[in-house]
Amino acid sequence: MSTLQETVLTLARAVSGAGEQDEVLLETLCRAAEAYWRGRLRQGVTAEDCGEAFPCAAAFTAAADLAAGQDGGIESFTAGSVSVKGGGESAARRAESLRRSAEERMAPFAEPGDFAFQGVRG
């Protein structure tokens, strides 16, 4: 494992709060996030050119993917007059927040991920 991979994994552990049961999945998600961000880099830009932005973005992306894939917890439970509602909304909001943060950090170095051009009839 390279130093960059170790850094991304360490950051992703801290951001996600992942436990031992998530370790293998988190390592895989970190590798996928690194590949994703390498693929988005502007021509001529390397991961090293991005400084701290690259490992942070990769870690945030991996943590977001982990959060998105986790069970949202209790969706609804009622016992007498006590009602508990939890669920995936907070996990989904957390994942979206992490993805936005990753995009912001990589904006100076990466091609926009939300731009699409479709041909127009003339």
PDB file of N, CA and C in Angstrom:
ATOM      1  N   MET A   1       0.854  -1.171   0.000  1.00  0.00           N
ATOM      2  CA  MET A   1       0.000   0.000   0.000  1.00  0.00           C
ATOM      3  C   MET A   1       0.902   1.237   0.000  1.00  0.00           C
ATOM      4  N   SER A   2       0.608   2.169  -0.898  1.00  0.00           N
ATOM      5  CA  SER A   2       1.419   3.384  -1.002  1.00  0.00           C
ATOM      6  C   SER A   2       1.112   4.343   0.153  1.00  0.00           C
ATOM      7  N   THR A   3       1.972   5.324   0.300  1.00  0.00           N
ATOM      8  CA  THR A   3       1.767   6.332   1.346  1.00  0.00           C
ATOM      9  C   THR A   3       0.456   7.076   1.123  1.00  0.00           C
ATOM     10  N   LEU A   4       0.151   7.407  -0.143  1.00  0.00           N
ATOM     11  CA  LEU A   4      -1.100   8.096  -0.450  1.00  0.00           C
ATOM     12  C   LEU A   4      -2.297   7.229  -0.067  1.00  0.00           C
ATOM     13  N   GLN A   5      -2.245   5.940  -0.405  1.00  0.00           N
ATOM     14  CA  GLN A   5      -3.343   5.034  -0.060  1.00  0.00           C
ATOM     15  C   GLN A   5      -3.523   4.933   1.453  1.00  0.00           C
ATOM     16  N   GLU A   6      -2.416   4.866   2.178  1.00  0.00           N
ATOM     17  CA  GLU A   6      -2.494   4.809   3.640  1.00  0.00           C
ATOM     18  C   GLU A   6      -3.102   6.089   4.207  1.00  0.00           C
ATOM     19  N   THR A   7      -2.716   7.233   3.639  1.00  0.00           N
ATOM     20  CA  THR A   7      -3.254   8.517   4.093  1.00  0.00           C
ATOM     21  C   THR A   7      -4.751   8.587   3.847  1.00  0.00           C
ATOM     22  N   VAL A   8      -5.172   8.200   2.643  1.00  0.00           N
ATOM     23  CA  VAL A   8      -6.601   8.225   2.307  1.00  0.00           C
ATOM     24  C   VAL A   8      -7.376   7.314   3.249  1.00  0.00           C
ATOM     25  N   LEU A   9      -6.877   6.116   3.487  1.00  0.00           N
ATOM     26  CA  LEU A   9      -7.560   5.170   4.368  1.00  0.00           C
ATOM     27  C   LEU A   9      -7.631   5.705   5.798  1.00  0.00           C
ATOM     28  N   THR A  10      -6.555   6.271   6.286  1.00  0.00           N
ATOM     29  CA  THR A  10      -6.544   6.833   7.644  1.00  0.00           C
ATOM     30  C   THR A  10      -7.566   7.963   7.764  1.00  0.00           C
ATOM     31  N   LEU A  11      -7.591   8.848   6.783  1.00  0.00           N
ATOM     32  CA  LEU A  11      -8.559   9.950   6.800  1.00  0.00           C
ATOM     33  C   LEU A  11      -9.993   9.430   6.694  1.00  0.00           C
ATOM     34  N   ALA A  12     -10.206   8.454   5.820  1.00  0.00           N
ATOM     35  CA  ALA A  12     -11.554   7.897   5.648  1.00  0.00           C
ATOM     36  C   ALA A  12     -12.042   7.230   6.930  1.00  0.00           C
ATOM     37  N   ARG A  13     -11.146   6.544   7.625  1.00  0.00           N
ATOM     38  CA  ARG A  13     -11.525   5.943   8.922  1.00  0.00           C
ATOM     39  C   ARG A  13     -11.992   7.025   9.887  1.00  0.00           C
ATOM     40  N   ALA A  14     -11.217   8.101   9.959  1.00  0.00           N
ATOM     41  CA  ALA A  14     -11.540   9.179  10.897  1.00  0.00           C
ATOM     42  C   ALA A  14     -12.857   9.866  10.537  1.00  0.00           C
ATOM     43  N   VAL A  15     -13.050  10.140   9.266  1.00  0.00           N
ATOM     44  CA  VAL A  15     -14.252  10.852   8.818  1.00  0.00           C
ATOM     45  C   VAL A  15     -15.499   9.982   8.961  1.00  0.00           C
ATOM     46  N   SER A  16     -15.358   8.706   8.633  1.00  0.00           N
ATOM     47  CA  SER A  16     -16.532   7.826   8.624  1.00  0.00           C
ATOM     48  C   SER A  16     -16.845   7.217   9.981  1.00  0.00           C
ATOM     49  N   GLY A  17     -15.839   7.145  10.863  1.00  0.00           N
ATOM     50  CA  GLY A  17     -16.044   6.455  12.132  1.00  0.00           C
ATOM     51  C   GLY A  17     -16.235   4.965  11.932  1.00  0.00           C
ATOM     52  N   ALA A  18     -15.684   4.440  10.839  1.00  0.00           N
ATOM     53  CA  ALA A  18     -15.863   3.028  10.505  1.00  0.00           C
ATOM     54  C   ALA A  18     -15.238   2.121  11.560  1.00  0.00           C
ATOM     55  N   GLY A  19     -15.898   1.021  11.804  1.00  0.00           N
ATOM     56  CA  GLY A  19     -15.399   0.020  12.738  1.00  0.00           C
ATOM     57  C   GLY A  19     -14.661  -1.075  12.000  1.00  0.00           C
ATOM     58  N   GLU A  20     -14.165  -2.030  12.749  1.00  0.00           N
ATOM     59  CA  GLU A  20     -13.418  -3.150  12.159  1.00  0.00           C
ATOM     60  C   GLU A  20     -14.250  -3.919  11.139  1.00  0.00           C
ATOM     61  N   GLN A  21     -15.550  -4.015  11.369  1.00  0.00           N
ATOM     62  CA  GLN A  21     -16.413  -4.756  10.457  1.00  0.00           C
ATOM     63  C   GLN A  21     -16.508  -4.090   9.093  1.00  0.00           C
ATOM     64  N   ASP A  22     -16.164  -2.797   9.003  1.00  0.00           N
ATOM     65  CA  ASP A  22     -16.232  -2.059   7.743  1.00  0.00           C
ATOM     66  C   ASP A  22     -14.880  -1.927   7.056  1.00  0.00           C
ATOM     67  N   GLU A  23     -13.829  -2.455   7.653  1.00  0.00           N
ATOM     68  CA  GLU A  23     -12.462  -2.220   7.184  1.00  0.00           C
ATOM     69  C   GLU A  23     -12.230  -2.653   5.739  1.00  0.00           C
ATOM     70  N   VAL A  24     -12.626  -3.864   5.382  1.00  0.00           N
ATOM     71  CA  VAL A  24     -12.387  -4.357   4.026  1.00  0.00           C
ATOM     72  C   VAL A  24     -13.167  -3.513   3.017  1.00  0.00           C
ATOM     73  N   LEU A  25     -14.407  -3.225   3.326  1.00  0.00           N
ATOM     74  CA  LEU A  25     -15.222  -2.403   2.435  1.00  0.00           C
ATOM     75  C   LEU A  25     -14.634  -1.001   2.307  1.00  0.00           C
ATOM     76  N   LEU A  26     -14.221  -0.409   3.412  1.00  0.00           N
ATOM     77  CA  LEU A  26     -13.666   0.936   3.374  1.00  0.00           C
ATOM     78  C   LEU A  26     -12.380   0.986   2.550  1.00  0.00           C
ATOM     79  N   GLU A  27     -11.520  -0.018   2.685  1.00  0.00           N
ATOM     80  CA  GLU A  27     -10.292  -0.066   1.870  1.00  0.00           C
ATOM     81  C   GLU A  27     -10.637  -0.100   0.383  1.00  0.00           C
ATOM     82  N   THR A  28     -11.616  -0.897   0.024  1.00  0.00           N
ATOM     83  CA  THR A  28     -12.041  -1.002  -1.375  1.00  0.00           C
ATOM     84  C   THR A  28     -12.632   0.321  -1.851  1.00  0.00           C
ATOM     85  N   LEU A  29     -13.449   0.944  -1.027  1.00  0.00           N
ATOM     86  CA  LEU A  29     -14.037   2.231  -1.391  1.00  0.00           C
ATOM     87  C   LEU A  29     -12.969   3.314  -1.540  1.00  0.00           C
ATOM     88  N   CYS A  30     -11.933   3.256  -0.728  1.00  0.00           N
ATOM     89  CA  CYS A  30     -10.833   4.223  -0.842  1.00  0.00           C
ATOM     90  C   CYS A  30     -10.109   4.062  -2.176  1.00  0.00           C
ATOM     91  N   ARG A  31      -9.840   2.822  -2.562  1.00  0.00           N
ATOM     92  CA  ARG A  31      -9.180   2.594  -3.856  1.00  0.00           C
ATOM     93  C   ARG A  31     -10.054   3.090  -5.005  1.00  0.00           C
ATOM     94  N   ALA A  32     -11.354   2.814  -4.908  1.00  0.00           N
ATOM     95  CA  ALA A  32     -12.275   3.269  -5.955  1.00  0.00           C
ATOM     96  C   ALA A  32     -12.357   4.800  -5.996  1.00  0.00           C
ATOM     97  N   ALA A  33     -12.348   5.439  -4.836  1.00  0.00           N
ATOM     98  CA  ALA A  33     -12.410   6.900  -4.778  1.00  0.00           C
ATOM     99  C   ALA A  33     -11.141   7.523  -5.367  1.00  0.00           C
ATOM    100  N   GLU A  34      -9.993   6.924  -5.072  1.00  0.00           N
ATOM    101  CA  GLU A  34      -8.740   7.420  -5.661  1.00  0.00           C
ATOM    102  C   GLU A  34      -8.797   7.317  -7.183  1.00  0.00           C
ATOM    103  N   ALA A  35      -9.253   6.195  -7.696  1.00  0.00           N
ATOM    104  CA  ALA A  35      -9.351   6.009  -9.145  1.00  0.00           C
ATOM    105  C   ALA A  35     -10.336   7.009  -9.750  1.00  0.00           C
ATOM    106  N   TYR A  36     -11.442   7.231  -9.063  1.00  0.00           N
ATOM    107  CA  TYR A  36     -12.444   8.195  -9.538  1.00  0.00           C
ATOM    108  C   TYR A  36     -11.821   9.582  -9.664  1.00  0.00           C
ATOM    109  N   TRP A  37     -11.129  10.029  -8.624  1.00  0.00           N
ATOM    110  CA  TRP A  37     -10.556  11.382  -8.651  1.00  0.00           C
ATOM    111  C   TRP A  37      -9.392  11.479  -9.628  1.00  0.00           C
ATOM    112  N   ARG A  38      -8.613  10.427  -9.781  1.00  0.00           N
ATOM    113  CA  ARG A  38      -7.546  10.446 -10.789  1.00  0.00           C
ATOM    114  C   ARG A  38      -8.149  10.608 -12.188  1.00  0.00           C
ATOM    115  N   GLY A  39      -9.262   9.958 -12.412  1.00  0.00           N
ATOM    116  CA  GLY A  39      -9.948  10.047 -13.699  1.00  0.00           C
ATOM    117  C   GLY A  39     -10.543  11.419 -13.971  1.00  0.00           C
ATOM    118  N   ARG A  40     -10.804  12.173 -12.937  1.00  0.00           N
ATOM    119  CA  ARG A  40     -11.387  13.515 -13.083  1.00  0.00           C
ATOM    120  C   ARG A  40     -10.343  14.629 -13.157  1.00  0.00           C
ATOM    121  N   LEU A  41      -9.065  14.304 -12.909  1.00  0.00           N
ATOM    122  CA  LEU A  41      -8.034  15.342 -12.914  1.00  0.00           C
ATOM    123  C   LEU A  41      -7.927  15.986 -14.291  1.00  0.00           C
ATOM    124  N   ARG A  42      -7.701  17.297 -14.284  1.00  0.00           N
ATOM    125  CA  ARG A  42      -7.477  18.016 -15.538  1.00  0.00           C
ATOM    126  C   ARG A  42      -6.216  17.478 -16.200  1.00  0.00           C
ATOM    127  N   GLN A  43      -6.148  17.611 -17.493  1.00  0.00           N
ATOM    128  CA  GLN A  43      -4.990  17.120 -18.240  1.00  0.00           C
ATOM    129  C   GLN A  43      -3.718  17.770 -17.708  1.00  0.00           C
ATOM    130  N   GLY A  44      -2.720  16.936 -17.451  1.00  0.00           N
ATOM    131  CA  GLY A  44      -1.429  17.410 -16.979  1.00  0.00           C
ATOM    132  C   GLY A  44      -1.332  17.562 -15.468  1.00  0.00           C
ATOM    133  N   VAL A  45      -2.422  17.362 -14.745  1.00  0.00           N
ATOM    134  CA  VAL A  45      -2.426  17.482 -13.285  1.00  0.00           C
ATOM    135  C   VAL A  45      -2.314  16.088 -12.675  1.00  0.00           C
ATOM    136  N   THR A  46      -1.453  15.956 -11.684  1.00  0.00           N
ATOM    137  CA  THR A  46      -1.309  14.679 -10.978  1.00  0.00           C
ATOM    138  C   THR A  46      -1.912  14.806  -9.579  1.00  0.00           C
ATOM    139  N   ALA A  47      -2.107  13.686  -8.933  1.00  0.00           N
ATOM    140  CA  ALA A  47      -2.626  13.682  -7.564  1.00  0.00           C
ATOM    141  C   ALA A  47      -1.699  14.469  -6.645  1.00  0.00           C
ATOM    142  N   GLU A  48      -0.405  14.361  -6.881  1.00  0.00           N
ATOM    143  CA  GLU A  48       0.569  15.066  -6.049  1.00  0.00           C
ATOM    144  C   GLU A  48       0.464  16.579  -6.221  1.00  0.00           C
ATOM    145  N   ASP A  49       0.076  17.045  -7.414  1.00  0.00           N
ATOM    146  CA  ASP A  49      -0.096  18.479  -7.664  1.00  0.00           C
ATOM    147  C   ASP A  49      -1.218  19.075  -6.811  1.00  0.00           C
ATOM    148  N   CYS A  50      -2.124  18.244  -6.360  1.00  0.00           N
ATOM    149  CA  CYS A  50      -3.299  18.704  -5.612  1.00  0.00           C
ATOM    150  C   CYS A  50      -3.013  18.912  -4.133  1.00  0.00           C
ATOM    151  N   GLY A  51      -1.843  18.521  -3.679  1.00  0.00           N
ATOM    152  CA  GLY A  51      -1.500  18.666  -2.270  1.00  0.00           C
ATOM    153  C   GLY A  51      -2.447  17.870  -1.387  1.00  0.00           C
ATOM    154  N   GLU A  52      -2.920  18.509  -0.330  1.00  0.00           N
ATOM    155  CA  GLU A  52      -3.804  17.845   0.636  1.00  0.00           C
ATOM    156  C   GLU A  52      -5.222  17.644   0.097  1.00  0.00           C
ATOM    157  N   ALA A  53      -5.575  18.358  -0.970  1.00  0.00           N
ATOM    158  CA  ALA A  53      -6.934  18.264  -1.502  1.00  0.00           C
ATOM    159  C   ALA A  53      -7.253  16.857  -2.000  1.00  0.00           C
ATOM    160  N   PHE A  54      -6.284  16.213  -2.667  1.00  0.00           N
ATOM    161  CA  PHE A  54      -6.558  14.888  -3.242  1.00  0.00           C
ATOM    162  C   PHE A  54      -6.861  13.841  -2.181  1.00  0.00           C
ATOM    163  N   PRO A  55      -5.997  13.650  -1.174  1.00  0.00           N
ATOM    164  CA  PRO A  55      -6.326  12.617  -0.183  1.00  0.00           C
ATOM    165  C   PRO A  55      -7.599  12.938   0.597  1.00  0.00           C
ATOM    166  N   CYS A  56      -7.849  14.218   0.853  1.00  0.00           N
ATOM    167  CA  CYS A  56      -9.089  14.587   1.557  1.00  0.00           C
ATOM    168  C   CYS A  56     -10.307  14.252   0.705  1.00  0.00           C
ATOM    169  N   ALA A  57     -10.261  14.624  -0.575  1.00  0.00           N
ATOM    170  CA  ALA A  57     -11.393  14.354  -1.462  1.00  0.00           C
ATOM    171  C   ALA A  57     -11.643  12.857  -1.608  1.00  0.00           C
ATOM    172  N   ALA A  58     -10.572  12.085  -1.755  1.00  0.00           N
ATOM    173  CA  ALA A  58     -10.731  10.635  -1.888  1.00  0.00           C
ATOM    174  C   ALA A  58     -11.306  10.039  -0.603  1.00  0.00           C
ATOM    175  N   ALA A  59     -10.824  10.500   0.543  1.00  0.00           N
ATOM    176  CA  ALA A  59     -11.329   9.997   1.827  1.00  0.00           C
ATOM    177  C   ALA A  59     -12.791  10.382   2.025  1.00  0.00           C
ATOM    178  N   PHE A  60     -13.137  11.636   1.693  1.00  0.00           N
ATOM    179  CA  PHE A  60     -14.527  12.079   1.845  1.00  0.00           C
ATOM    180  C   PHE A  60     -15.445  11.294   0.918  1.00  0.00           C
ATOM    181  N   THR A  61     -14.978  11.017  -0.294  1.00  0.00           N
ATOM    182  CA  THR A  61     -15.789  10.250  -1.240  1.00  0.00           C
ATOM    183  C   THR A  61     -15.998   8.827  -0.743  1.00  0.00           C
ATOM    184  N   ALA A  62     -14.945   8.204  -0.243  1.00  0.00           N
ATOM    185  CA  ALA A  62     -15.068   6.840   0.295  1.00  0.00           C
ATOM    186  C   ALA A  62     -15.998   6.818   1.508  1.00  0.00           C
ATOM    187  N   ALA A  63     -15.851   7.802   2.396  1.00  0.00           N
ATOM    188  CA  ALA A  63     -16.717   7.872   3.581  1.00  0.00           C
ATOM    189  C   ALA A  63     -18.175   8.103   3.170  1.00  0.00           C
ATOM    190  N   ALA A  64     -18.390   8.917   2.136  1.00  0.00           N
ATOM    191  CA  ALA A  64     -19.751   9.160   1.643  1.00  0.00           C
ATOM    192  C   ALA A  64     -20.348   7.874   1.080  1.00  0.00           C
ATOM    193  N   ASP A  65     -19.544   7.131   0.326  1.00  0.00           N
ATOM    194  CA  ASP A  65     -20.030   5.869  -0.233  1.00  0.00           C
ATOM    195  C   ASP A  65     -20.345   4.859   0.872  1.00  0.00           C
ATOM    196  N   LEU A  66     -19.522   4.846   1.917  1.00  0.00           N
ATOM    197  CA  LEU A  66     -19.785   3.949   3.046  1.00  0.00           C
ATOM    198  C   LEU A  66     -21.086   4.342   3.743  1.00  0.00           C
ATOM    199  N   ALA A  67     -21.258   5.640   3.987  1.00  0.00           N
ATOM    200  CA  ALA A  67     -22.479   6.118   4.655  1.00  0.00           C
ATOM    201  C   ALA A  67     -23.714   5.814   3.818  1.00  0.00           C
ATOM    202  N   ALA A  68     -23.599   5.990   2.499  1.00  0.00           N
ATOM    203  CA  ALA A  68     -24.738   5.746   1.612  1.00  0.00           C
ATOM    204  C   ALA A  68     -25.122   4.272   1.583  1.00  0.00           C
ATOM    205  N   GLY A  69     -24.150   3.394   1.801  1.00  0.00           N
ATOM    206  CA  GLY A  69     -24.413   1.962   1.757  1.00  0.00           C
ATOM    207  C   GLY A  69     -24.814   1.353   3.076  1.00  0.00           C
ATOM    208  N   GLN A  70     -24.727   2.140   4.153  1.00  0.00           N
ATOM    209  CA  GLN A  70     -25.055   1.592   5.460  1.00  0.00           C
ATOM    210  C   GLN A  70     -26.549   1.658   5.714  1.00  0.00           C
ATOM    211  N   ASP A  71     -26.976   0.768   6.567  1.00  0.00           N
ATOM    212  CA  ASP A  71     -28.370   0.753   6.990  1.00  0.00           C
ATOM    213  C   ASP A  71     -28.690   2.065   7.684  1.00  0.00           C
ATOM    214  N   GLY A  72     -29.809   2.650   7.371  1.00  0.00           N
ATOM    215  CA  GLY A  72     -30.212   3.919   7.958  1.00  0.00           C
ATOM    216  C   GLY A  72     -30.652   3.809   9.395  1.00  0.00           C
ATOM    217  N   GLY A  73     -30.689   2.637   9.957  1.00  0.00           N
ATOM    218  CA  GLY A  73     -31.092   2.489  11.343  1.00  0.00           C
ATOM    219  C   GLY A  73     -32.596   2.332  11.473  1.00  0.00           C
ATOM    220  N   ILE A  74     -33.102   2.667  12.608  1.00  0.00           N
ATOM    221  CA  ILE A  74     -34.525   2.529  12.897  1.00  0.00           C
ATOM    222  C   ILE A  74     -35.296   3.514  12.034  1.00  0.00           C
ATOM    223  N   GLU A  75     -36.298   3.039  11.317  1.00  0.00           N
ATOM    224  CA  GLU A  75     -37.122   3.925  10.506  1.00  0.00           C
ATOM    225  C   GLU A  75     -38.327   4.397  11.300  1.00  0.00           C
ATOM    226  N   SER A  76     -38.932   3.499  12.077  1.00  0.00           N
ATOM    227  CA  SER A  76     -40.062   3.906  12.899  1.00  0.00           C
ATOM    228  C   SER A  76     -40.335   2.807  13.912  1.00  0.00           C
ATOM    229  N   PHE A  77     -40.578   3.221  15.152  1.00  0.00           N
ATOM    230  CA  PHE A  77     -40.859   2.265  16.211  1.00  0.00           C
ATOM    231  C   PHE A  77     -41.746   2.952  17.234  1.00  0.00           C
ATOM    232  N   THR A  78     -42.841   2.319  17.597  1.00  0.00           N
ATOM    233  CA  THR A  78     -43.745   2.885  18.593  1.00  0.00           C
ATOM    234  C   THR A  78     -44.056   1.831  19.645  1.00  0.00           C
ATOM    235  N   ALA A  79     -43.971   2.248  20.909  1.00  0.00           N
ATOM    236  CA  ALA A  79     -44.328   1.383  22.026  1.00  0.00           C
ATOM    237  C   ALA A  79     -45.103   2.245  23.018  1.00  0.00           C
ATOM    238  N   GLY A  80     -46.394   2.068  23.029  1.00  0.00           N
ATOM    239  CA  GLY A  80     -47.222   2.896  23.905  1.00  0.00           C
ATOM    240  C   GLY A  80     -47.174   4.348  23.439  1.00  0.00           C
ATOM    241  N   SER A  81     -46.773   5.230  24.337  1.00  0.00           N
ATOM    242  CA  SER A  81     -46.714   6.648  23.985  1.00  0.00           C
ATOM    243  C   SER A  81     -45.316   7.084  23.532  1.00  0.00           C
ATOM    244  N   VAL A  82     -44.401   6.120  23.430  1.00  0.00           N
ATOM    245  CA  VAL A  82     -43.037   6.435  23.003  1.00  0.00           C
ATOM    246  C   VAL A  82     -42.879   6.083  21.531  1.00  0.00           C
ATOM    247  N   SER A  83     -42.403   7.035  20.764  1.00  0.00           N
ATOM    248  CA  SER A  83     -42.206   6.829  19.341  1.00  0.00           C
ATOM    249  C   SER A  83     -40.779   7.216  18.979  1.00  0.00           C
ATOM    250  N   VAL A  84     -40.114   6.342  18.218  1.00  0.00           N
ATOM    251  CA  VAL A  84     -38.748   6.599  17.768  1.00  0.00           C
ATOM    252  C   VAL A  84     -38.741   6.523  16.253  1.00  0.00           C
ATOM    253  N   LYS A  85     -38.150   7.506  15.622  1.00  0.00           N
ATOM    254  CA  LYS A  85     -38.005   7.478  14.175  1.00  0.00           C
ATOM    255  C   LYS A  85     -36.580   7.876  13.853  1.00  0.00           C
ATOM    256  N   GLY A  86     -35.922   7.073  13.095  1.00  0.00           N
ATOM    257  CA  GLY A  86     -34.564   7.375  12.649  1.00  0.00           C
ATOM    258  C   GLY A  86     -34.552   7.194  11.164  1.00  0.00           C
ATOM    259  N   GLY A  87     -33.525   6.608  10.686  1.00  0.00           N
ATOM    260  CA  GLY A  87     -33.558   6.255   9.287  1.00  0.00           C
ATOM    261  C   GLY A  87     -32.424   6.814   8.475  1.00  0.00           C
ATOM    262  N   GLY A  88     -32.526   6.547   7.199  1.00  0.00           N
ATOM    263  CA  GLY A  88     -31.459   6.845   6.272  1.00  0.00           C
ATOM    264  C   GLY A  88     -31.307   8.297   5.885  1.00  0.00           C
ATOM    265  N   GLU A  89     -32.244   9.157   6.231  1.00  0.00           N
ATOM    266  CA  GLU A  89     -32.116  10.541   5.801  1.00  0.00           C
ATOM    267  C   GLU A  89     -30.843  11.177   6.317  1.00  0.00           C
ATOM    268  N   SER A  90     -30.517  10.950   7.582  1.00  0.00           N
ATOM    269  CA  SER A  90     -29.306  11.574   8.110  1.00  0.00           C
ATOM    270  C   SER A  90     -28.062  10.991   7.438  1.00  0.00           C
ATOM    271  N   ALA A  91     -28.053   9.698   7.147  1.00  0.00           N
ATOM    272  CA  ALA A  91     -26.926   9.089   6.448  1.00  0.00           C
ATOM    273  C   ALA A  91     -26.832   9.650   5.033  1.00  0.00           C
ATOM    274  N   ALA A  92     -27.969   9.847   4.384  1.00  0.00           N
ATOM    275  CA  ALA A  92     -27.978  10.401   3.034  1.00  0.00           C
ATOM    276  C   ALA A  92     -27.504  11.856   3.041  1.00  0.00           C
ATOM    277  N   ARG A  93     -27.933  12.620   4.029  1.00  0.00           N
ATOM    278  CA  ARG A  93     -27.479  14.019   4.131  1.00  0.00           C
ATOM    279  C   ARG A  93     -25.987  14.079   4.398  1.00  0.00           C
ATOM    280  N   ARG A  94     -25.511  13.212   5.256  1.00  0.00           N
ATOM    281  CA  ARG A  94     -24.072  13.165   5.559  1.00  0.00           C
ATOM    282  C   ARG A  94     -23.272  12.800   4.318  1.00  0.00           C
ATOM    283  N   ALA A  95     -23.742  11.804   3.573  1.00  0.00           N
ATOM    284  CA  ALA A  95     -23.054  11.394   2.349  1.00  0.00           C
ATOM    285  C   ALA A  95     -23.022  12.538   1.344  1.00  0.00           C
ATOM    286  N   GLU A  96     -24.118  13.229   1.172  1.00  0.00           N
ATOM    287  CA  GLU A  96     -24.170  14.348   0.231  1.00  0.00           C
ATOM    288  C   GLU A  96     -23.248  15.480   0.667  1.00  0.00           C
ATOM    289  N   SER A  97     -23.202  15.760   1.949  1.00  0.00           N
ATOM    290  CA  SER A  97     -22.318  16.796   2.471  1.00  0.00           C
ATOM    291  C   SER A  97     -20.853  16.451   2.222  1.00  0.00           C
ATOM    292  N   LEU A  98     -20.488  15.204   2.439  1.00  0.00           N
ATOM    293  CA  LEU A  98     -19.121  14.759   2.190  1.00  0.00           C
ATOM    294  C   LEU A  98     -18.769  14.856   0.704  1.00  0.00           C
ATOM    295  N   ARG A  99     -19.704  14.499  -0.155  1.00  0.00           N
ATOM    296  CA  ARG A  99     -19.449  14.584  -1.594  1.00  0.00           C
ATOM    297  C   ARG A  99     -19.260  16.036  -2.038  1.00  0.00           C
ATOM    298  N   ARG A 100     -20.096  16.930  -1.509  1.00  0.00           N
ATOM    299  CA  ARG A 100     -19.956  18.360  -1.834  1.00  0.00           C
ATOM    300  C   ARG A 100     -18.600  18.883  -1.392  1.00  0.00           C
ATOM    301  N   SER A 101     -18.187  18.497  -0.210  1.00  0.00           N
ATOM    302  CA  SER A 101     -16.898  18.929   0.316  1.00  0.00           C
ATOM    303  C   SER A 101     -15.755  18.425  -0.559  1.00  0.00           C
ATOM    304  N   ALA A 102     -15.836  17.183  -0.998  1.00  0.00           N
ATOM    305  CA  ALA A 102     -14.809  16.622  -1.887  1.00  0.00           C
ATOM    306  C   ALA A 102     -14.768  17.405  -3.197  1.00  0.00           C
ATOM    307  N   GLU A 103     -15.924  17.702  -3.762  1.00  0.00           N
ATOM    308  CA  GLU A 103     -15.993  18.467  -5.016  1.00  0.00           C
ATOM    309  C   GLU A 103     -15.368  19.852  -4.839  1.00  0.00           C
ATOM    310  N   GLU A 104     -15.666  20.513  -3.726  1.00  0.00           N
ATOM    311  CA  GLU A 104     -15.126  21.845  -3.473  1.00  0.00           C
ATOM    312  C   GLU A 104     -13.604  21.814  -3.381  1.00  0.00           C
ATOM    313  N   ARG A 105     -13.061  20.827  -2.702  1.00  0.00           N
ATOM    314  CA  ARG A 105     -11.615  20.734  -2.547  1.00  0.00           C
ATOM    315  C   ARG A 105     -10.914  20.460  -3.877  1.00  0.00           C
ATOM    316  N   MET A 106     -11.546  19.702  -4.742  1.00  0.00           N
ATOM    317  CA  MET A 106     -10.918  19.321  -5.996  1.00  0.00           C
ATOM    318  C   MET A 106     -11.268  20.250  -7.155  1.00  0.00           C
ATOM    319  N   ALA A 107     -12.117  21.228  -6.949  1.00  0.00           N
ATOM    320  CA  ALA A 107     -12.542  22.124  -8.034  1.00  0.00           C
ATOM    321  C   ALA A 107     -11.382  22.733  -8.820  1.00  0.00           C
ATOM    322  N   PRO A 108     -10.302  23.191  -8.170  1.00  0.00           N
ATOM    323  CA  PRO A 108      -9.211  23.781  -8.953  1.00  0.00           C
ATOM    324  C   PRO A 108      -8.420  22.773  -9.791  1.00  0.00           C
ATOM    325  N   PHE A 109      -8.559  21.486  -9.496  1.00  0.00           N
ATOM    326  CA  PHE A 109      -7.714  20.472 -10.125  1.00  0.00           C
ATOM    327  C   PHE A 109      -8.464  19.508 -11.043  1.00  0.00           C
ATOM    328  N   ALA A 110      -9.772  19.409 -10.879  1.00  0.00           N
ATOM    329  CA  ALA A 110     -10.549  18.372 -11.563  1.00  0.00           C
ATOM    330  C   ALA A 110     -11.512  18.968 -12.582  1.00  0.00           C
ATOM    331  N   GLU A 111     -11.823  18.150 -13.566  1.00  0.00           N
ATOM    332  CA  GLU A 111     -12.858  18.505 -14.523  1.00  0.00           C
ATOM    333  C   GLU A 111     -14.201  18.478 -13.788  1.00  0.00           C
ATOM    334  N   PRO A 112     -15.099  19.383 -14.129  1.00  0.00           N
ATOM    335  CA  PRO A 112     -16.416  19.366 -13.476  1.00  0.00           C
ATOM    336  C   PRO A 112     -17.106  18.025 -13.700  1.00  0.00           C
ATOM    337  N   GLY A 113     -17.740  17.524 -12.664  1.00  0.00           N
ATOM    338  CA  GLY A 113     -18.407  16.235 -12.759  1.00  0.00           C
ATOM    339  C   GLY A 113     -19.875  16.356 -13.098  1.00  0.00           C
ATOM    340  N   ASP A 114     -20.401  17.577 -13.084  1.00  0.00           N
ATOM    341  CA  ASP A 114     -21.840  17.740 -13.285  1.00  0.00           C
ATOM    342  C   ASP A 114     -22.177  18.407 -14.608  1.00  0.00           C
ATOM    343  N   PHE A 115     -21.209  18.514 -15.504  1.00  0.00           N
ATOM    344  CA  PHE A 115     -21.443  19.185 -16.771  1.00  0.00           C
ATOM    345  C   PHE A 115     -21.665  18.150 -17.855  1.00  0.00           C
ATOM    346  N   ALA A 116     -22.691  18.350 -18.643  1.00  0.00           N
ATOM    347  CA  ALA A 116     -22.952  17.482 -19.786  1.00  0.00           C
ATOM    348  C   ALA A 116     -23.369  18.354 -20.942  1.00  0.00           C
ATOM    349  N   PHE A 117     -22.925  18.015 -22.143  1.00  0.00           N
ATOM    350  CA  PHE A 117     -23.285  18.765 -23.328  1.00  0.00           C
ATOM    351  C   PHE A 117     -23.998  17.835 -24.277  1.00  0.00           C
ATOM    352  N   GLN A 118     -25.118  18.296 -24.751  1.00  0.00           N
ATOM    353  CA  GLN A 118     -25.885  17.492 -25.684  1.00  0.00           C
ATOM    354  C   GLN A 118     -26.022  18.312 -26.964  1.00  0.00           C
ATOM    355  N   GLY A 119     -25.909  17.655 -28.093  1.00  0.00           N
ATOM    356  CA  GLY A 119     -25.999  18.335 -29.381  1.00  0.00           C
ATOM    357  C   GLY A 119     -27.320  19.082 -29.539  1.00  0.00           C
ATOM    358  N   VAL A 120     -27.237  20.211 -30.238  1.00  0.00           N
ATOM    359  CA  VAL A 120     -28.421  21.045 -30.473  1.00  0.00           C
ATOM    360  C   VAL A 120     -28.623  21.145 -31.967  1.00  0.00           C
ATOM    361  N   ARG A 121     -29.835  20.957 -32.394  1.00  0.00           N
ATOM    362  CA  ARG A 121     -30.146  21.076 -33.828  1.00  0.00           C
ATOM    363  C   ARG A 121     -30.024  22.535 -34.249  1.00  0.00           C
ATOM    364  N   GLY A 122     -29.483  22.738 -35.404  1.00  0.00           N
ATOM    365  CA  GLY A 122     -29.305  24.110 -35.883  1.00  0.00           C
ATOM    366  C   GLY A 122     -30.140  24.473 -37.041  1.00  0.00           C
TER     367      GLY A 122
END
